[in-house]
Amino acid sequence: MQFETLKPKIQEILNQKTATREEKLLEICSFLKETVAHYDWVGFYFRNGKKEELILGPYAGTPTDHTVIPFGKGICGQVAVSNKNFIVPDVKAQDNYIACSLTVKSEIVIPLL
């Protein structure tokens, strides 16, 4: 799949005038999960105010118990500290991985600032 082909639909979602931020983010998650065959969970985590932790925002996929992730913990927590993309081809090879789902085999985590 050419990911470049996803950008027009995502831009269309972002440009919606009547949808809230949460609704737009949820729609993006649902669109990516349904469009990219090998994605089974797509979501957003946000910094919790000034606390050094992430809180779960909109997502599409199986519910997770990991609604709060401390900075430095798991892949998302590591990215919160490094502010760098992290692509993990095999989550089992990561000592700091937090298993949100048994079906997850790999992760892509991208910080949005």
PDB file of N, CA and C in Angstrom:
ATOM      1  N   MET A   1       0.841  -1.181   0.000  1.00  0.00           N
ATOM      2  CA  MET A   1       0.000   0.000   0.000  1.00  0.00           C
ATOM      3  C   MET A   1       0.884   1.241   0.000  1.00  0.00           C
ATOM      4  N   GLN A   2       0.495   2.205  -0.785  1.00  0.00           N
ATOM      5  CA  GLN A   2       1.162   3.498  -0.794  1.00  0.00           C
ATOM      6  C   GLN A   2       0.460   4.386   0.238  1.00  0.00           C
ATOM      7  N   PHE A   3       1.165   4.690   1.314  1.00  0.00           N
ATOM      8  CA  PHE A   3       0.554   5.474   2.382  1.00  0.00           C
ATOM      9  C   PHE A   3       0.220   6.887   1.933  1.00  0.00           C
ATOM     10  N   GLU A   4       0.884   7.351   0.889  1.00  0.00           N
ATOM     11  CA  GLU A   4       0.600   8.677   0.326  1.00  0.00           C
ATOM     12  C   GLU A   4      -0.868   8.774  -0.110  1.00  0.00           C
ATOM     13  N   THR A   5      -1.456   7.647  -0.503  1.00  0.00           N
ATOM     14  CA  THR A   5      -2.850   7.644  -0.962  1.00  0.00           C
ATOM     15  C   THR A   5      -3.837   7.870   0.184  1.00  0.00           C
ATOM     16  N   LEU A   6      -3.390   7.729   1.429  1.00  0.00           N
ATOM     17  CA  LEU A   6      -4.266   7.931   2.591  1.00  0.00           C
ATOM     18  C   LEU A   6      -4.416   9.405   2.954  1.00  0.00           C
ATOM     19  N   LYS A   7      -3.452  10.207   2.564  1.00  0.00           N
ATOM     20  CA  LYS A   7      -3.425  11.610   2.983  1.00  0.00           C
ATOM     21  C   LYS A   7      -4.664  12.419   2.585  1.00  0.00           C
ATOM     22  N   PRO A   8      -5.198  12.278   1.357  1.00  0.00           N
ATOM     23  CA  PRO A   8      -6.389  13.083   1.020  1.00  0.00           C
ATOM     24  C   PRO A   8      -7.579  12.828   1.949  1.00  0.00           C
ATOM     25  N   LYS A   9      -7.823  11.564   2.297  1.00  0.00           N
ATOM     26  CA  LYS A   9      -8.951  11.247   3.188  1.00  0.00           C
ATOM     27  C   LYS A   9      -8.696  11.795   4.585  1.00  0.00           C
ATOM     28  N   ILE A  10      -7.466  11.667   5.070  1.00  0.00           N
ATOM     29  CA  ILE A  10      -7.149  12.203   6.397  1.00  0.00           C
ATOM     30  C   ILE A  10      -7.295  13.719   6.404  1.00  0.00           C
ATOM     31  N   GLN A  11      -6.852  14.365   5.335  1.00  0.00           N
ATOM     32  CA  GLN A  11      -7.004  15.822   5.239  1.00  0.00           C
ATOM     33  C   GLN A  11      -8.482  16.207   5.206  1.00  0.00           C
ATOM     34  N   GLU A  12      -9.281  15.420   4.510  1.00  0.00           N
ATOM     35  CA  GLU A  12     -10.732  15.662   4.466  1.00  0.00           C
ATOM     36  C   GLU A  12     -11.334  15.568   5.874  1.00  0.00           C
ATOM     37  N   ILE A  13     -10.925  14.571   6.622  1.00  0.00           N
ATOM     38  CA  ILE A  13     -11.413  14.408   8.001  1.00  0.00           C
ATOM     39  C   ILE A  13     -11.006  15.612   8.849  1.00  0.00           C
ATOM     40  N   LEU A  14      -9.750  16.017   8.741  1.00  0.00           N
ATOM     41  CA  LEU A  14      -9.255  17.144   9.538  1.00  0.00           C
ATOM     42  C   LEU A  14      -9.944  18.456   9.183  1.00  0.00           C
ATOM     43  N   ASN A  15     -10.377  18.597   7.948  1.00  0.00           N
ATOM     44  CA  ASN A  15     -11.005  19.842   7.497  1.00  0.00           C
ATOM     45  C   ASN A  15     -12.487  19.936   7.819  1.00  0.00           C
ATOM     46  N   GLN A  16     -13.070  18.901   8.400  1.00  0.00           N
ATOM     47  CA  GLN A  16     -14.494  18.942   8.749  1.00  0.00           C
ATOM     48  C   GLN A  16     -14.753  20.105   9.707  1.00  0.00           C
ATOM     49  N   LYS A  17     -15.739  20.880   9.411  1.00  0.00           N
ATOM     50  CA  LYS A  17     -16.027  22.078  10.217  1.00  0.00           C
ATOM     51  C   LYS A  17     -16.860  21.782  11.463  1.00  0.00           C
ATOM     52  N   THR A  18     -17.735  20.786  11.402  1.00  0.00           N
ATOM     53  CA  THR A  18     -18.661  20.571  12.521  1.00  0.00           C
ATOM     54  C   THR A  18     -18.186  19.513  13.516  1.00  0.00           C
ATOM     55  N   ALA A  19     -17.204  18.714  13.143  1.00  0.00           N
ATOM     56  CA  ALA A  19     -16.735  17.653  14.035  1.00  0.00           C
ATOM     57  C   ALA A  19     -15.781  18.217  15.090  1.00  0.00           C
ATOM     58  N   THR A  20     -15.838  17.639  16.282  1.00  0.00           N
ATOM     59  CA  THR A  20     -14.910  18.031  17.350  1.00  0.00           C
ATOM     60  C   THR A  20     -13.545  17.396  17.085  1.00  0.00           C
ATOM     61  N   ARG A  21     -12.544  17.821  17.819  1.00  0.00           N
ATOM     62  CA  ARG A  21     -11.212  17.240  17.694  1.00  0.00           C
ATOM     63  C   ARG A  21     -11.264  15.741  17.982  1.00  0.00           C
ATOM     64  N   GLU A  22     -11.961  15.360  19.041  1.00  0.00           N
ATOM     65  CA  GLU A  22     -12.075  13.946  19.415  1.00  0.00           C
ATOM     66  C   GLU A  22     -12.744  13.134  18.301  1.00  0.00           C
ATOM     67  N   GLU A  23     -13.796  13.678  17.720  1.00  0.00           N
ATOM     68  CA  GLU A  23     -14.492  12.983  16.633  1.00  0.00           C
ATOM     69  C   GLU A  23     -13.580  12.806  15.417  1.00  0.00           C
ATOM     70  N   LYS A  24     -12.819  13.823  15.098  1.00  0.00           N
ATOM     71  CA  LYS A  24     -11.889  13.737  13.965  1.00  0.00           C
ATOM     72  C   LYS A  24     -10.819  12.680  14.215  1.00  0.00           C
ATOM     73  N   LEU A  25     -10.243  12.677  15.406  1.00  0.00           N
ATOM     74  CA  LEU A  25      -9.207  11.705  15.720  1.00  0.00           C
ATOM     75  C   LEU A  25      -9.746  10.280  15.706  1.00  0.00           C
ATOM     76  N   LEU A  26     -10.939  10.092  16.224  1.00  0.00           N
ATOM     77  CA  LEU A  26     -11.566   8.769  16.198  1.00  0.00           C
ATOM     78  C   LEU A  26     -11.822   8.331  14.760  1.00  0.00           C
ATOM     79  N   GLU A  27     -12.273   9.246  13.928  1.00  0.00           N
ATOM     80  CA  GLU A  27     -12.527   8.912  12.526  1.00  0.00           C
ATOM     81  C   GLU A  27     -11.229   8.545  11.807  1.00  0.00           C
ATOM     82  N   ILE A  28     -10.142   9.247  12.118  1.00  0.00           N
ATOM     83  CA  ILE A  28      -8.838   8.913  11.531  1.00  0.00           C
ATOM     84  C   ILE A  28      -8.419   7.511  11.975  1.00  0.00           C
ATOM     85  N   CYS A  29      -8.561   7.210  13.256  1.00  0.00           N
ATOM     86  CA  CYS A  29      -8.215   5.877  13.762  1.00  0.00           C
ATOM     87  C   CYS A  29      -9.018   4.797  13.049  1.00  0.00           C
ATOM     88  N   SER A  30     -10.307   4.996  12.957  1.00  0.00           N
ATOM     89  CA  SER A  30     -11.178   4.009  12.305  1.00  0.00           C
ATOM     90  C   SER A  30     -10.821   3.847  10.836  1.00  0.00           C
ATOM     91  N   PHE A  31     -10.577   4.961  10.159  1.00  0.00           N
ATOM     92  CA  PHE A  31     -10.193   4.921   8.741  1.00  0.00           C
ATOM     93  C   PHE A  31      -8.906   4.120   8.545  1.00  0.00           C
ATOM     94  N   LEU A  32      -7.883   4.401   9.332  1.00  0.00           N
ATOM     95  CA  LEU A  32      -6.607   3.690   9.186  1.00  0.00           C
ATOM     96  C   LEU A  32      -6.750   2.209   9.512  1.00  0.00           C
ATOM     97  N   LYS A  33      -7.473   1.902  10.575  1.00  0.00           N
ATOM     98  CA  LYS A  33      -7.658   0.493  10.961  1.00  0.00           C
ATOM     99  C   LYS A  33      -8.388  -0.279   9.877  1.00  0.00           C
ATOM    100  N   GLU A  34      -9.389   0.323   9.272  1.00  0.00           N
ATOM    101  CA  GLU A  34     -10.172  -0.361   8.245  1.00  0.00           C
ATOM    102  C   GLU A  34      -9.472  -0.388   6.886  1.00  0.00           C
ATOM    103  N   THR A  35      -8.633   0.587   6.604  1.00  0.00           N
ATOM    104  CA  THR A  35      -8.012   0.710   5.285  1.00  0.00           C
ATOM    105  C   THR A  35      -6.699  -0.053   5.175  1.00  0.00           C
ATOM    106  N   VAL A  36      -5.921  -0.063   6.231  1.00  0.00           N
ATOM    107  CA  VAL A  36      -4.630  -0.746   6.219  1.00  0.00           C
ATOM    108  C   VAL A  36      -4.847  -2.132   6.833  1.00  0.00           C
ATOM    109  N   ALA A  37      -4.794  -3.145   5.986  1.00  0.00           N
ATOM    110  CA  ALA A  37      -5.188  -4.497   6.380  1.00  0.00           C
ATOM    111  C   ALA A  37      -4.421  -5.030   7.596  1.00  0.00           C
ATOM    112  N   HIS A  38      -3.163  -4.706   7.746  1.00  0.00           N
ATOM    113  CA  HIS A  38      -2.379  -5.259   8.848  1.00  0.00           C
ATOM    114  C   HIS A  38      -2.404  -4.413  10.116  1.00  0.00           C
ATOM    115  N   TYR A  39      -3.225  -3.361  10.148  1.00  0.00           N
ATOM    116  CA  TYR A  39      -3.408  -2.583  11.381  1.00  0.00           C
ATOM    117  C   TYR A  39      -4.601  -3.160  12.128  1.00  0.00           C
ATOM    118  N   ASP A  40      -4.390  -3.585  13.381  1.00  0.00           N
ATOM    119  CA  ASP A  40      -5.532  -4.060  14.159  1.00  0.00           C
ATOM    120  C   ASP A  40      -5.847  -3.151  15.342  1.00  0.00           C
ATOM    121  N   TRP A  41      -5.006  -2.115  15.551  1.00  0.00           N
ATOM    122  CA  TRP A  41      -5.261  -1.133  16.613  1.00  0.00           C
ATOM    123  C   TRP A  41      -4.572   0.161  16.216  1.00  0.00           C
ATOM    124  N   VAL A  42      -5.310   1.251  16.247  1.00  0.00           N
ATOM    125  CA  VAL A  42      -4.768   2.572  15.929  1.00  0.00           C
ATOM    126  C   VAL A  42      -5.310   3.532  16.977  1.00  0.00           C
ATOM    127  N   GLY A  43      -4.433   4.309  17.604  1.00  0.00           N
ATOM    128  CA  GLY A  43      -4.915   5.221  18.623  1.00  0.00           C
ATOM    129  C   GLY A  43      -3.966   6.354  18.911  1.00  0.00           C
ATOM    130  N   PHE A  44      -4.453   7.260  19.729  1.00  0.00           N
ATOM    131  CA  PHE A  44      -3.697   8.425  20.159  1.00  0.00           C
ATOM    132  C   PHE A  44      -3.552   8.404  21.674  1.00  0.00           C
ATOM    133  N   TYR A  45      -2.355   8.680  22.140  1.00  0.00           N
ATOM    134  CA  TYR A  45      -2.096   8.941  23.548  1.00  0.00           C
ATOM    135  C   TYR A  45      -1.644  10.394  23.652  1.00  0.00           C
ATOM    136  N   PHE A  46      -2.059  11.069  24.708  1.00  0.00           N
ATOM    137  CA  PHE A  46      -1.719  12.478  24.916  1.00  0.00           C
ATOM    138  C   PHE A  46      -1.051  12.670  26.266  1.00  0.00           C
ATOM    139  N   ARG A  47      -0.174  13.651  26.325  1.00  0.00           N
ATOM    140  CA  ARG A  47       0.418  14.002  27.613  1.00  0.00           C
ATOM    141  C   ARG A  47      -0.699  14.463  28.541  1.00  0.00           C
ATOM    142  N   ASN A  48      -0.638  14.026  29.774  1.00  0.00           N
ATOM    143  CA  ASN A  48      -1.652  14.351  30.772  1.00  0.00           C
ATOM    144  C   ASN A  48      -1.249  15.644  31.485  1.00  0.00           C
ATOM    145  N   GLY A  49      -1.583  16.768  30.871  1.00  0.00           N
ATOM    146  CA  GLY A  49      -1.227  18.063  31.446  1.00  0.00           C
ATOM    147  C   GLY A  49       0.272  18.190  31.606  1.00  0.00           C
ATOM    148  N   LYS A  50       0.718  18.525  32.810  1.00  0.00           N
ATOM    149  CA  LYS A  50       2.153  18.658  33.078  1.00  0.00           C
ATOM    150  C   LYS A  50       2.752  17.371  33.643  1.00  0.00           C
ATOM    151  N   LYS A  51       1.907  16.369  33.883  1.00  0.00           N
ATOM    152  CA  LYS A  51       2.386  15.087  34.410  1.00  0.00           C
ATOM    153  C   LYS A  51       3.216  14.373  33.350  1.00  0.00           C
ATOM    154  N   GLU A  52       4.168  13.589  33.797  1.00  0.00           N
ATOM    155  CA  GLU A  52       4.986  12.813  32.874  1.00  0.00           C
ATOM    156  C   GLU A  52       4.335  11.452  32.647  1.00  0.00           C
ATOM    157  N   GLU A  53       3.170  11.512  32.014  1.00  0.00           N
ATOM    158  CA  GLU A  53       2.426  10.319  31.670  1.00  0.00           C
ATOM    159  C   GLU A  53       1.545  10.612  30.463  1.00  0.00           C
ATOM    160  N   LEU A  54       1.189   9.547  29.772  1.00  0.00           N
ATOM    161  CA  LEU A  54       0.297   9.641  28.621  1.00  0.00           C
ATOM    162  C   LEU A  54      -1.057   9.082  29.016  1.00  0.00           C
ATOM    163  N   ILE A  55      -2.118   9.697  28.493  1.00  0.00           N
ATOM    164  CA  ILE A  55      -3.459   9.160  28.700  1.00  0.00           C
ATOM    165  C   ILE A  55      -4.042   8.795  27.334  1.00  0.00           C
ATOM    166  N   LEU A  56      -4.786   7.721  27.323  1.00  0.00           N
ATOM    167  CA  LEU A  56      -5.377   7.226  26.090  1.00  0.00           C
ATOM    168  C   LEU A  56      -6.452   8.170  25.586  1.00  0.00           C
ATOM    169  N   GLY A  57      -6.363   8.487  24.305  1.00  0.00           N
ATOM    170  CA  GLY A  57      -7.379   9.291  23.631  1.00  0.00           C
ATOM    171  C   GLY A  57      -8.190   8.395  22.707  1.00  0.00           C
ATOM    172  N   PRO A  58      -8.705   8.959  21.621  1.00  0.00           N
ATOM    173  CA  PRO A  58      -9.487   8.165  20.677  1.00  0.00           C
ATOM    174  C   PRO A  58      -8.662   7.012  20.091  1.00  0.00           C
ATOM    175  N   TYR A  59      -9.328   5.892  19.876  1.00  0.00           N
ATOM    176  CA  TYR A  59      -8.665   4.745  19.269  1.00  0.00           C
ATOM    177  C   TYR A  59      -9.695   3.854  18.597  1.00  0.00           C
ATOM    178  N   ALA A  60      -9.203   2.981  17.715  1.00  0.00           N
ATOM    179  CA  ALA A  60     -10.034   1.969  17.071  1.00  0.00           C
ATOM    180  C   ALA A  60      -9.331   0.633  17.250  1.00  0.00           C
ATOM    181  N   GLY A  61     -10.037  -0.329  17.785  1.00  0.00           N
ATOM    182  CA  GLY A  61      -9.465  -1.652  18.031  1.00  0.00           C
ATOM    183  C   GLY A  61      -9.973  -2.196  19.347  1.00  0.00           C
ATOM    184  N   THR A  62      -9.393  -3.299  19.751  1.00  0.00           N
ATOM    185  CA  THR A  62      -9.768  -3.952  20.999  1.00  0.00           C
ATOM    186  C   THR A  62      -9.465  -3.038  22.183  1.00  0.00           C
ATOM    187  N   PRO A  63     -10.377  -2.941  23.149  1.00  0.00           N
ATOM    188  CA  PRO A  63     -10.099  -2.122  24.332  1.00  0.00           C
ATOM    189  C   PRO A  63      -8.828  -2.576  25.049  1.00  0.00           C
ATOM    190  N   THR A  64      -8.146  -1.623  25.675  1.00  0.00           N
ATOM    191  CA  THR A  64      -6.920  -1.909  26.404  1.00  0.00           C
ATOM    192  C   THR A  64      -7.039  -1.431  27.843  1.00  0.00           C
ATOM    193  N   ASP A  65      -6.350  -2.121  28.734  1.00  0.00           N
ATOM    194  CA  ASP A  65      -6.283  -1.687  30.128  1.00  0.00           C
ATOM    195  C   ASP A  65      -5.274  -0.561  30.310  1.00  0.00           C
ATOM    196  N   HIS A  66      -4.446  -0.340  29.302  1.00  0.00           N
ATOM    197  CA  HIS A  66      -3.362   0.646  29.401  1.00  0.00           C
ATOM    198  C   HIS A  66      -3.863   2.025  28.981  1.00  0.00           C
ATOM    199  N   THR A  67      -4.633   2.636  29.868  1.00  0.00           N
ATOM    200  CA  THR A  67      -5.184   3.962  29.585  1.00  0.00           C
ATOM    201  C   THR A  67      -4.263   5.073  30.074  1.00  0.00           C
ATOM    202  N   VAL A  68      -3.321   4.735  30.948  1.00  0.00           N
ATOM    203  CA  VAL A  68      -2.311   5.680  31.431  1.00  0.00           C
ATOM    204  C   VAL A  68      -0.951   4.984  31.311  1.00  0.00           C
ATOM    205  N   ILE A  69      -0.003   5.652  30.658  1.00  0.00           N
ATOM    206  CA  ILE A  69       1.337   5.089  30.478  1.00  0.00           C
ATOM    207  C   ILE A  69       2.358   6.111  30.972  1.00  0.00           C
ATOM    208  N   PRO A  70       3.152   5.760  31.975  1.00  0.00           N
ATOM    209  CA  PRO A  70       4.188   6.679  32.457  1.00  0.00           C
ATOM    210  C   PRO A  70       5.256   6.902  31.380  1.00  0.00           C
ATOM    211  N   PHE A  71       5.810   8.100  31.329  1.00  0.00           N
ATOM    212  CA  PHE A  71       6.923   8.376  30.425  1.00  0.00           C
ATOM    213  C   PHE A  71       8.017   7.344  30.680  1.00  0.00           C
ATOM    214  N   GLY A  72       8.591   6.833  29.617  1.00  0.00           N
ATOM    215  CA  GLY A  72       9.673   5.872  29.716  1.00  0.00           C
ATOM    216  C   GLY A  72       9.221   4.427  29.727  1.00  0.00           C
ATOM    217  N   LYS A  73       7.945   4.166  30.020  1.00  0.00           N
ATOM    218  CA  LYS A  73       7.430   2.793  30.077  1.00  0.00           C
ATOM    219  C   LYS A  73       6.827   2.399  28.727  1.00  0.00           C
ATOM    220  N   GLY A  74       7.147   1.209  28.264  1.00  0.00           N
ATOM    221  CA  GLY A  74       6.607   0.731  27.001  1.00  0.00           C
ATOM    222  C   GLY A  74       7.121   1.542  25.823  1.00  0.00           C
ATOM    223  N   ILE A  75       6.669   1.164  24.651  1.00  0.00           N
ATOM    224  CA  ILE A  75       7.107   1.834  23.434  1.00  0.00           C
ATOM    225  C   ILE A  75       6.590   3.276  23.407  1.00  0.00           C
ATOM    226  N   CYS A  76       5.319   3.481  23.723  1.00  0.00           N
ATOM    227  CA  CYS A  76       4.750   4.831  23.713  1.00  0.00           C
ATOM    228  C   CYS A  76       5.431   5.730  24.738  1.00  0.00           C
ATOM    229  N   GLY A  77       5.682   5.195  25.918  1.00  0.00           N
ATOM    230  CA  GLY A  77       6.357   5.975  26.955  1.00  0.00           C
ATOM    231  C   GLY A  77       7.781   6.331  26.581  1.00  0.00           C
ATOM    232  N   GLN A  78       8.463   5.440  25.862  1.00  0.00           N
ATOM    233  CA  GLN A  78       9.817   5.730  25.388  1.00  0.00           C
ATOM    234  C   GLN A  78       9.789   6.861  24.358  1.00  0.00           C
ATOM    235  N   VAL A  79       8.817   6.820  23.464  1.00  0.00           N
ATOM    236  CA  VAL A  79       8.701   7.856  22.439  1.00  0.00           C
ATOM    237  C   VAL A  79       8.356   9.202  23.073  1.00  0.00           C
ATOM    238  N   ALA A  80       7.572   9.175  24.144  1.00  0.00           N
ATOM    239  CA  ALA A  80       7.248  10.425  24.846  1.00  0.00           C
ATOM    240  C   ALA A  80       8.505  11.094  25.380  1.00  0.00           C
ATOM    241  N   VAL A  81       9.507  10.314  25.746  1.00  0.00           N
ATOM    242  CA  VAL A  81      10.773  10.842  26.262  1.00  0.00           C
ATOM    243  C   VAL A  81      11.703  11.245  25.124  1.00  0.00           C
ATOM    244  N   SER A  82      11.802  10.401  24.097  1.00  0.00           N
ATOM    245  CA  SER A  82      12.773  10.641  23.013  1.00  0.00           C
ATOM    246  C   SER A  82      12.285  11.609  21.944  1.00  0.00           C
ATOM    247  N   ASN A  83      10.957  11.727  21.786  1.00  0.00           N
ATOM    248  CA  ASN A  83      10.363  12.518  20.701  1.00  0.00           C
ATOM    249  C   ASN A  83      10.826  12.062  19.329  1.00  0.00           C
ATOM    250  N   LYS A  84      11.093  10.757  19.189  1.00  0.00           N
ATOM    251  CA  LYS A  84      11.525  10.195  17.905  1.00  0.00           C
ATOM    252  C   LYS A  84      10.640   9.011  17.534  1.00  0.00           C
ATOM    253  N   ASN A  85      10.385   8.862  16.236  1.00  0.00           N
ATOM    254  CA  ASN A  85       9.630   7.713  15.748  1.00  0.00           C
ATOM    255  C   ASN A  85      10.285   6.429  16.235  1.00  0.00           C
ATOM    256  N   PHE A  86       9.473   5.429  16.494  1.00  0.00           N
ATOM    257  CA  PHE A  86       9.989   4.144  16.938  1.00  0.00           C
ATOM    258  C   PHE A  86       9.211   3.060  16.195  1.00  0.00           C
ATOM    259  N   ILE A  87       9.910   2.296  15.373  1.00  0.00           N
ATOM    260  CA  ILE A  87       9.305   1.193  14.642  1.00  0.00           C
ATOM    261  C   ILE A  87       9.841  -0.100  15.256  1.00  0.00           C
ATOM    262  N   VAL A  88       8.929  -0.928  15.725  1.00  0.00           N
ATOM    263  CA  VAL A  88       9.300  -2.177  16.388  1.00  0.00           C
ATOM    264  C   VAL A  88       8.753  -3.335  15.553  1.00  0.00           C
ATOM    265  N   PRO A  89       9.630  -4.017  14.789  1.00  0.00           N
ATOM    266  CA  PRO A  89       9.151  -5.133  13.970  1.00  0.00           C
ATOM    267  C   PRO A  89       8.664  -6.327  14.784  1.00  0.00           C
ATOM    268  N   ASP A  90       9.247  -6.545  15.968  1.00  0.00           N
ATOM    269  CA  ASP A  90       8.861  -7.688  16.808  1.00  0.00           C
ATOM    270  C   ASP A  90       8.801  -7.231  18.258  1.00  0.00           C
ATOM    271  N   VAL A  91       7.591  -7.029  18.760  1.00  0.00           N
ATOM    272  CA  VAL A  91       7.434  -6.518  20.126  1.00  0.00           C
ATOM    273  C   VAL A  91       8.003  -7.477  21.172  1.00  0.00           C
ATOM    274  N   LYS A  92       8.069  -8.764  20.866  1.00  0.00           N
ATOM    275  CA  LYS A  92       8.614  -9.743  21.817  1.00  0.00           C
ATOM    276  C   LYS A  92      10.103  -9.510  22.071  1.00  0.00           C
ATOM    277  N   ALA A  93      10.770  -8.832  21.163  1.00  0.00           N
ATOM    278  CA  ALA A  93      12.206  -8.569  21.304  1.00  0.00           C
ATOM    279  C   ALA A  93      12.485  -7.331  22.161  1.00  0.00           C
ATOM    280  N   GLN A  94      11.444  -6.632  22.590  1.00  0.00           N
ATOM    281  CA  GLN A  94      11.592  -5.411  23.386  1.00  0.00           C
ATOM    282  C   GLN A  94      11.387  -5.708  24.870  1.00  0.00           C
ATOM    283  N   ASP A  95      12.409  -5.443  25.668  1.00  0.00           N
ATOM    284  CA  ASP A  95      12.305  -5.665  27.112  1.00  0.00           C
ATOM    285  C   ASP A  95      11.279  -4.755  27.766  1.00  0.00           C
ATOM    286  N   ASN A  96      11.114  -3.553  27.225  1.00  0.00           N
ATOM    287  CA  ASN A  96      10.255  -2.537  27.832  1.00  0.00           C
ATOM    288  C   ASN A  96       8.851  -2.517  27.223  1.00  0.00           C
ATOM    289  N   TYR A  97       8.473  -3.538  26.493  1.00  0.00           N
ATOM    290  CA  TYR A  97       7.172  -3.565  25.829  1.00  0.00           C
ATOM    291  C   TYR A  97       6.050  -3.814  26.831  1.00  0.00           C
ATOM    292  N   ILE A  98       4.978  -3.040  26.709  1.00  0.00           N
ATOM    293  CA  ILE A  98       3.766  -3.247  27.504  1.00  0.00           C
ATOM    294  C   ILE A  98       2.746  -3.918  26.585  1.00  0.00           C
ATOM    295  N   ALA A  99       2.380  -5.139  26.872  1.00  0.00           N
ATOM    296  CA  ALA A  99       1.452  -5.882  26.017  1.00  0.00           C
ATOM    297  C   ALA A  99       0.023  -5.401  26.228  1.00  0.00           C
ATOM    298  N   CYS A 100      -0.475  -4.665  25.264  1.00  0.00           N
ATOM    299  CA  CYS A 100      -1.856  -4.197  25.324  1.00  0.00           C
ATOM    300  C   CYS A 100      -2.805  -5.228  24.732  1.00  0.00           C
ATOM    301  N   SER A 101      -2.270  -6.053  23.828  1.00  0.00           N
ATOM    302  CA  SER A 101      -3.075  -7.070  23.167  1.00  0.00           C
ATOM    303  C   SER A 101      -2.165  -8.222  22.764  1.00  0.00           C
ATOM    304  N   LEU A 102      -2.633  -9.422  22.895  1.00  0.00           N
ATOM    305  CA  LEU A 102      -1.846 -10.595  22.509  1.00  0.00           C
ATOM    306  C   LEU A 102      -1.696 -10.704  20.997  1.00  0.00           C
ATOM    307  N   THR A 103      -2.548 -10.017  20.238  1.00  0.00           N
ATOM    308  CA  THR A 103      -2.486 -10.102  18.783  1.00  0.00           C
ATOM    309  C   THR A 103      -1.461  -9.147  18.174  1.00  0.00           C
ATOM    310  N   VAL A 104      -0.971  -8.183  18.947  1.00  0.00           N
ATOM    311  CA  VAL A 104      -0.004  -7.218  18.420  1.00  0.00           C
ATOM    312  C   VAL A 104       1.348  -7.896  18.237  1.00  0.00           C
ATOM    313  N   LYS A 105       1.884  -7.784  17.039  1.00  0.00           N
ATOM    314  CA  LYS A 105       3.185  -8.370  16.720  1.00  0.00           C
ATOM    315  C   LYS A 105       4.248  -7.289  16.528  1.00  0.00           C
ATOM    316  N   SER A 106       3.815  -6.105  16.088  1.00  0.00           N
ATOM    317  CA  SER A 106       4.749  -5.003  15.852  1.00  0.00           C
ATOM    318  C   SER A 106       4.037  -3.687  16.131  1.00  0.00           C
ATOM    319  N   GLU A 107       4.835  -2.623  16.274  1.00  0.00           N
ATOM    320  CA  GLU A 107       4.259  -1.300  16.547  1.00  0.00           C
ATOM    321  C   GLU A 107       5.003  -0.226  15.781  1.00  0.00           C
ATOM    322  N   ILE A 108       4.262   0.796  15.450  1.00  0.00           N
ATOM    323  CA  ILE A 108       4.839   2.033  14.930  1.00  0.00           C
ATOM    324  C   ILE A 108       4.307   3.138  15.835  1.00  0.00           C
ATOM    325  N   VAL A 109       5.207   3.861  16.479  1.00  0.00           N
ATOM    326  CA  VAL A 109       4.801   4.955  17.368  1.00  0.00           C
ATOM    327  C   VAL A 109       5.461   6.237  16.859  1.00  0.00           C
ATOM    328  N   ILE A 110       4.637   7.241  16.636  1.00  0.00           N
ATOM    329  CA  ILE A 110       5.108   8.512  16.079  1.00  0.00           C
ATOM    330  C   ILE A 110       4.676   9.642  17.005  1.00  0.00           C
ATOM    331  N   PRO A 111       5.632  10.444  17.489  1.00  0.00           N
ATOM    332  CA  PRO A 111       5.242  11.583  18.337  1.00  0.00           C
ATOM    333  C   PRO A 111       4.672  12.706  17.472  1.00  0.00           C
ATOM    334  N   LEU A 112       3.611  13.295  17.933  1.00  0.00           N
ATOM    335  CA  LEU A 112       3.009  14.458  17.278  1.00  0.00           C
ATOM    336  C   LEU A 112       3.120  15.622  18.232  1.00  0.00           C
ATOM    337  N   LEU A 113       3.795  16.661  17.803  1.00  0.00           N
ATOM    338  CA  LEU A 113       4.006  17.828  18.677  1.00  0.00           C
ATOM    339  C   LEU A 113       3.233  19.024  18.169  1.00  0.00           C
TER     340      LEU A 113
END
